[in-house]
C-alpha atoms as a PDB file:
ATOM      1  CA  MET A   1      16.698 -16.047   3.072  1.00  0.00           C
ATOM      2  CA  ASP A   2      16.394 -12.275   3.462  1.00  0.00           C
ATOM      3  CA  ILE A   3      13.715 -10.349   5.396  1.00  0.00           C
ATOM      4  CA  CYS A   4      13.330  -7.794   2.620  1.00  0.00           C
ATOM      5  CA  ASP A   5      12.682 -10.536   0.067  1.00  0.00           C
ATOM      6  CA  TYR A   6      10.363 -12.295   2.502  1.00  0.00           C
ATOM      7  CA  ILE A   7       8.268  -9.147   2.998  1.00  0.00           C
ATOM      8  CA  LEU A   8       8.166  -8.595  -0.775  1.00  0.00           C
ATOM      9  CA  HIS A   9       6.939 -12.173  -1.207  1.00  0.00           C
ATOM     10  CA  ASP A  10       4.122 -11.468   1.266  1.00  0.00           C
ATOM     11  CA  HIS A  11       3.277  -8.298  -0.671  1.00  0.00           C
ATOM     12  CA  ASP A  12       3.055 -10.323  -3.886  1.00  0.00           C
ATOM     13  CA  GLU A  13       0.718 -12.796  -2.168  1.00  0.00           C
ATOM     14  CA  GLN A  14      -1.491  -9.975  -0.890  1.00  0.00           C
ATOM     15  CA  ARG A  15      -1.710  -8.469  -4.393  1.00  0.00           C
ATOM     16  CA  ARG A  16      -2.507 -11.909  -5.835  1.00  0.00           C
ATOM     17  CA  LEU A  17      -5.315 -12.534  -3.357  1.00  0.00           C
ATOM     18  CA  PHE A  18      -6.878  -9.120  -4.006  1.00  0.00           C
ATOM     19  CA  ALA A  19      -6.712  -9.926  -7.739  1.00  0.00           C
ATOM     20  CA  ILE A  20      -8.411 -13.270  -7.113  1.00  0.00           C
ATOM     21  CA  LEU A  21     -11.229 -11.436  -5.336  1.00  0.00           C
ATOM     22  CA  ASP A  22     -11.650  -9.407  -8.544  1.00  0.00           C
ATOM     23  CA  GLU A  23     -12.094 -12.656 -10.494  1.00  0.00           C
ATOM     24  CA  VAL A  24     -14.621 -14.353  -8.201  1.00  0.00           C
ATOM     25  CA  PRO A  25     -18.210 -13.833  -9.381  1.00  0.00           C
ATOM     26  CA  ARG A  26     -19.762 -11.146  -7.182  1.00  0.00           C
ATOM     27  CA  ASP A  27     -22.719 -13.373  -6.348  1.00  0.00           C
ATOM     28  CA  ASP A  28     -20.538 -16.231  -5.060  1.00  0.00           C
ATOM     29  CA  ALA A  29     -20.462 -15.266  -1.387  1.00  0.00           C
ATOM     30  CA  ARG A  30     -18.970 -18.616  -0.382  1.00  0.00           C
ATOM     31  CA  ALA A  31     -15.913 -18.244  -2.637  1.00  0.00           C
ATOM     32  CA  LEU A  32     -15.536 -14.551  -1.774  1.00  0.00           C
ATOM     33  CA  GLY A  33     -15.626 -15.408   1.914  1.00  0.00           C
ATOM     34  CA  ILE A  34     -13.018 -18.133   1.574  1.00  0.00           C
ATOM     35  CA  VAL A  35     -10.577 -15.965  -0.365  1.00  0.00           C
ATOM     36  CA  TRP A  36     -11.237 -12.947   1.841  1.00  0.00           C
ATOM     37  CA  HIS A  37     -10.660 -14.958   5.007  1.00  0.00           C
ATOM     38  CA  ARG A  38      -7.256 -16.087   3.755  1.00  0.00           C
ATOM     39  CA  LEU A  39      -6.369 -12.522   2.775  1.00  0.00           C
ATOM     40  CA  GLU A  40      -7.708 -11.037   6.004  1.00  0.00           C
ATOM     41  CA  VAL A  41      -5.523 -13.377   8.067  1.00  0.00           C
ATOM     42  CA  LEU A  42      -2.495 -12.690   5.891  1.00  0.00           C
ATOM     43  CA  LEU A  43      -2.925  -8.921   6.236  1.00  0.00           C
ATOM     44  CA  GLU A  44      -3.342  -9.116  10.007  1.00  0.00           C
ATOM     45  CA  VAL A  45      -0.471 -11.544  10.633  1.00  0.00           C
ATOM     46  CA  HIS A  46       1.880  -9.732   8.259  1.00  0.00           C
ATOM     47  CA  ALA A  47       1.233  -6.348   9.902  1.00  0.00           C
ATOM     48  CA  GLN A  48       1.737  -7.737  13.388  1.00  0.00           C
ATOM     49  CA  ALA A  49       4.914  -9.592  12.358  1.00  0.00           C
ATOM     50  CA  GLU A  50       6.308  -6.359  10.941  1.00  0.00           C
ATOM     51  CA  GLU A  51       5.454  -4.523  14.154  1.00  0.00           C
ATOM     52  CA  GLU A  52       6.879  -7.255  16.384  1.00  0.00           C
ATOM     53  CA  LEU A  53      10.046  -7.967  14.400  1.00  0.00           C
ATOM     54  CA  PHE A  54      10.899  -5.720  11.476  1.00  0.00           C
ATOM     55  CA  TYR A  55      10.112  -2.168  12.546  1.00  0.00           C
ATOM     56  CA  PRO A  56      11.797  -2.350  15.973  1.00  0.00           C
ATOM     57  CA  ARG A  57      15.014  -3.378  14.237  1.00  0.00           C
ATOM     58  CA  LEU A  58      14.590  -0.716  11.537  1.00  0.00           C
ATOM     59  CA  LEU A  59      14.278   1.894  14.290  1.00  0.00           C
ATOM     60  CA  GLN A  60      17.656   0.781  15.629  1.00  0.00           C
ATOM     61  CA  LEU A  61      19.467   0.626  12.281  1.00  0.00           C
ATOM     62  CA  GLY A  62      17.676   2.820   9.774  1.00  0.00           C
ATOM     63  CA  LYS A  63      18.542   6.333   8.698  1.00  0.00           C
ATOM     64  CA  GLY A  64      15.614   7.174   6.405  1.00  0.00           C
ATOM     65  CA  GLU A  65      15.119   6.485   2.732  1.00  0.00           C
ATOM     66  CA  GLY A  66      13.026   7.760  -0.124  1.00  0.00           C
ATOM     67  CA  ASP A  67      10.697  10.518   1.034  1.00  0.00           C
ATOM     68  CA  LYS A  68      11.380   9.867   4.725  1.00  0.00           C
ATOM     69  CA  ASP A  69      14.125  11.621   6.691  1.00  0.00           C
ATOM     70  CA  SER A  70      14.439   8.965   9.388  1.00  0.00           C
ATOM     71  CA  ALA A  71      13.532   5.442  10.387  1.00  0.00           C
ATOM     72  CA  GLU A  72      11.145   7.015  12.899  1.00  0.00           C
ATOM     73  CA  ASP A  73       9.239   8.714  10.061  1.00  0.00           C
ATOM     74  CA  GLU A  74       9.130   5.448   8.097  1.00  0.00           C
ATOM     75  CA  THR A  75       7.830   3.594  11.135  1.00  0.00           C
ATOM     76  CA  LEU A  76       5.231   6.196  12.117  1.00  0.00           C
ATOM     77  CA  ASP A  77       3.826   6.043   8.598  1.00  0.00           C
ATOM     78  CA  ALA A  78       3.874   2.238   8.481  1.00  0.00           C
ATOM     79  CA  VAL A  79       2.065   1.789  11.795  1.00  0.00           C
ATOM     80  CA  ASP A  80      -0.519   4.373  10.751  1.00  0.00           C
ATOM     81  CA  ASP A  81      -0.968   2.512   7.441  1.00  0.00           C
ATOM     82  CA  HIS A  82      -1.421  -0.764   9.332  1.00  0.00           C
ATOM     83  CA  ASP A  83      -4.203   0.891  11.340  1.00  0.00           C
ATOM     84  CA  ASP A  84      -5.917   1.980   8.092  1.00  0.00           C
ATOM     85  CA  ILE A  85      -5.687  -1.580   6.747  1.00  0.00           C
ATOM     86  CA  ARG A  86      -7.096  -2.940  10.020  1.00  0.00           C
ATOM     87  CA  LYS A  87     -10.008  -0.491   9.825  1.00  0.00           C
ATOM     88  CA  GLY A  88     -10.920  -1.781   6.381  1.00  0.00           C
ATOM     89  CA  VAL A  89     -10.671  -5.384   7.531  1.00  0.00           C
ATOM     90  CA  ARG A  90     -12.823  -4.713  10.595  1.00  0.00           C
ATOM     91  CA  ALA A  91     -15.390  -2.839   8.482  1.00  0.00           C
ATOM     92  CA  ALA A  92     -15.648  -5.797   6.103  1.00  0.00           C
ATOM     93  CA  ARG A  93     -16.505  -8.058   9.059  1.00  0.00           C
ATOM     94  CA  GLU A  94     -19.535  -5.871   9.790  1.00  0.00           C
ATOM     95  CA  HIS A  95     -21.215  -6.521   6.431  1.00  0.00           C
ATOM     96  CA  GLU A  96     -22.618  -9.410   4.485  1.00  0.00           C
ATOM     97  CA  ILE A  97     -19.968 -10.888   2.224  1.00  0.00           C
ATOM     98  CA  GLY A  98     -20.511  -9.711  -1.333  1.00  0.00           C
ATOM     99  CA  SER A  99     -22.716  -6.748  -0.401  1.00  0.00           C
ATOM    100  CA  GLN A 100     -21.784  -3.308  -1.665  1.00  0.00           C
ATOM    101  CA  GLU A 101     -20.855  -2.256   1.882  1.00  0.00           C
ATOM    102  CA  TRP A 102     -18.568  -5.280   2.166  1.00  0.00           C
ATOM    103  CA  TRP A 103     -16.908  -4.449  -1.162  1.00  0.00           C
ATOM    104  CA  ASP A 104     -16.476  -0.830  -0.050  1.00  0.00           C
ATOM    105  CA  ALA A 105     -14.675  -2.012   3.080  1.00  0.00           C
ATOM    106  CA  VAL A 106     -12.536  -4.473   1.095  1.00  0.00           C
ATOM    107  CA  HIS A 107     -11.595  -1.677  -1.318  1.00  0.00           C
ATOM    108  CA  ALA A 108     -10.674   0.583   1.609  1.00  0.00           C
ATOM    109  CA  ALA A 109      -8.399  -2.130   3.004  1.00  0.00           C
ATOM    110  CA  ARG A 110      -6.920  -2.690  -0.452  1.00  0.00           C
ATOM    111  CA  GLU A 111      -6.242   0.985  -1.052  1.00  0.00           C
ATOM    112  CA  ALA A 112      -4.577   1.380   2.357  1.00  0.00           C
ATOM    113  CA  ASN A 113      -2.556  -1.774   1.755  1.00  0.00           C
ATOM    114  CA  ASP A 114      -1.462  -0.676  -1.729  1.00  0.00           C
ATOM    115  CA  ASP A 115      -0.280   2.663  -0.336  1.00  0.00           C
ATOM    116  CA  HIS A 116       1.532   0.937   2.516  1.00  0.00           C
ATOM    117  CA  MET A 117       3.296  -1.617   0.335  1.00  0.00           C
ATOM    118  CA  GLY A 118       4.470   1.032  -2.127  1.00  0.00           C
ATOM    119  CA  GLU A 119       5.870   3.252   0.609  1.00  0.00           C
ATOM    120  CA  GLU A 120       7.488   0.338   2.398  1.00  0.00           C
ATOM    121  CA  GLU A 121       9.078  -0.871  -0.827  1.00  0.00           C
ATOM    122  CA  ARG A 122      10.481   2.622  -1.558  1.00  0.00           C
ATOM    123  CA  GLU A 123      11.500   3.550   1.981  1.00  0.00           C
ATOM    124  CA  ALA A 124      11.736   1.021   4.819  1.00  0.00           C
ATOM    125  CA  LEU A 125      13.003  -1.962   2.843  1.00  0.00           C
ATOM    126  CA  PRO A 126      15.818  -0.096   1.042  1.00  0.00           C
ATOM    127  CA  ASP A 127      16.745   1.587   4.339  1.00  0.00           C
ATOM    128  CA  PHE A 128      17.012  -1.815   6.004  1.00  0.00           C
ATOM    129  CA  ARG A 129      18.984  -3.279   3.097  1.00  0.00           C
ATOM    130  CA  HIS A 130      21.512  -0.457   3.386  1.00  0.00           C
ATOM    131  CA  HIS A 131      22.037  -0.772   7.137  1.00  0.00           C
ATOM    132  CA  ALA A 132      21.498  -4.385   8.200  1.00  0.00           C
ATOM    133  CA  THR A 133      24.083  -7.093   7.754  1.00  0.00           C
ATOM    134  CA  PRO A 134      23.260 -10.106   5.576  1.00  0.00           C
ATOM    135  CA  GLN A 135      23.201 -12.256   8.717  1.00  0.00           C
ATOM    136  CA  GLU A 136      20.710  -9.916  10.445  1.00  0.00           C
ATOM    137  CA  ARG A 137      18.523  -9.946   7.336  1.00  0.00           C
ATOM    138  CA  HIS A 138      18.630 -13.741   7.284  1.00  0.00           C
ATOM    139  CA  ASP A 139      17.943 -14.157  10.995  1.00  0.00           C
ATOM    140  CA  LEU A 140      15.024 -11.742  10.862  1.00  0.00           C
ATOM    141  CA  ALA A 141      13.546 -13.560   7.848  1.00  0.00           C
ATOM    142  CA  VAL A 142      13.649 -16.855   9.704  1.00  0.00           C
ATOM    143  CA  ALA A 143      12.003 -15.291  12.762  1.00  0.00           C
ATOM    144  CA  PHE A 144       9.358 -13.665  10.528  1.00  0.00           C
ATOM    145  CA  ALA A 145       8.597 -16.987   8.803  1.00  0.00           C
ATOM    146  CA  VAL A 146       8.247 -18.733  12.156  1.00  0.00           C
ATOM    147  CA  TYR A 147       6.002 -15.961  13.473  1.00  0.00           C
ATOM    148  CA  GLU A 148       3.719 -16.128  10.440  1.00  0.00           C
ATOM    149  CA  ALA A 149       3.556 -19.924  10.566  1.00  0.00           C
ATOM    150  CA  GLU A 150       2.740 -19.836  14.268  1.00  0.00           C
ATOM    151  CA  HIS A 151      -0.148 -17.435  13.614  1.00  0.00           C
ATOM    152  CA  ALA A 152      -1.264 -18.830  10.226  1.00  0.00           C
ATOM    153  CA  ASP A 153      -4.781 -19.416  11.536  1.00  0.00           C
ATOM    154  CA  GLY A 154      -5.035 -15.828  12.782  1.00  0.00           C
ATOM    155  CA  HIS A 155      -5.185 -16.814  16.456  1.00  0.00           C
ATOM    156  CA  GLY A 156      -3.131 -14.729  18.807  1.00  0.00           C
ATOM    157  CA  VAL A 157      -3.117 -11.744  16.463  1.00  0.00           C
ATOM    158  CA  ASP A 158      -4.034  -8.399  17.975  1.00  0.00           C
ATOM    159  CA  SER A 159      -6.028  -6.507  15.352  1.00  0.00           C
ATOM    160  CA  SER A 160      -6.510  -3.400  17.448  1.00  0.00           C
ATOM    161  CA  ASP A 161      -5.122  -0.081  16.284  1.00  0.00           C
ATOM    162  CA  ARG A 162      -1.770   1.146  17.564  1.00  0.00           C
ATOM    163  CA  ASP A 163      -0.813   4.689  18.436  1.00  0.00           C
ATOM    164  CA  PRO A 164       2.062   5.253  15.982  1.00  0.00           C
ATOM    165  CA  GLN A 165       3.943   7.707  18.220  1.00  0.00           C
ATOM    166  CA  ALA A 166       3.570   5.490  21.285  1.00  0.00           C
ATOM    167  CA  TYR A 167       4.814   2.558  19.204  1.00  0.00           C
ATOM    168  CA  VAL A 168       7.911   4.471  18.055  1.00  0.00           C
ATOM    169  CA  ASP A 169       8.553   5.740  21.578  1.00  0.00           C
ATOM    170  CA  ALA A 170       8.330   2.223  22.969  1.00  0.00           C
ATOM    171  CA  HIS A 171      10.712   0.782  20.373  1.00  0.00           C
ATOM    172  CA  SER A 172      13.287   3.568  20.048  1.00  0.00           C
END
């Protein structure tokens, strides 16, 4: 088991659930709500698991990859992206499932998530692969899996925004 592969698996699941939303008839609020709830929890738990486990370790080991000059830059961007995803998720909660306003909020969360996953896959994950030992990658994957399982129902997840610079300062 490898944390980078585990995160990529979560990304695939997020993409799959957004695609399922595209397939559900727009007037089937019950089905939309069920799929969205699963996706909403996955997005929230995944972001928090990354912030609790992955990014602190990246800050210690990383050197920067892709368009980023440092692990700090990668992390600042990731935490900011997580906040954008959270904003979309929170906005969706404020509207009737299936309404145009709800879809607008879902699309905002999706767009922020797509941007985040792409950047993470080009920057943070390769950076971690290059600087973490196989054992560290394994141990972190196990901890990540346990964290996600523990919070699979969404309870205990803090969906409030983070100050990216304060986060980096606290974990550097």
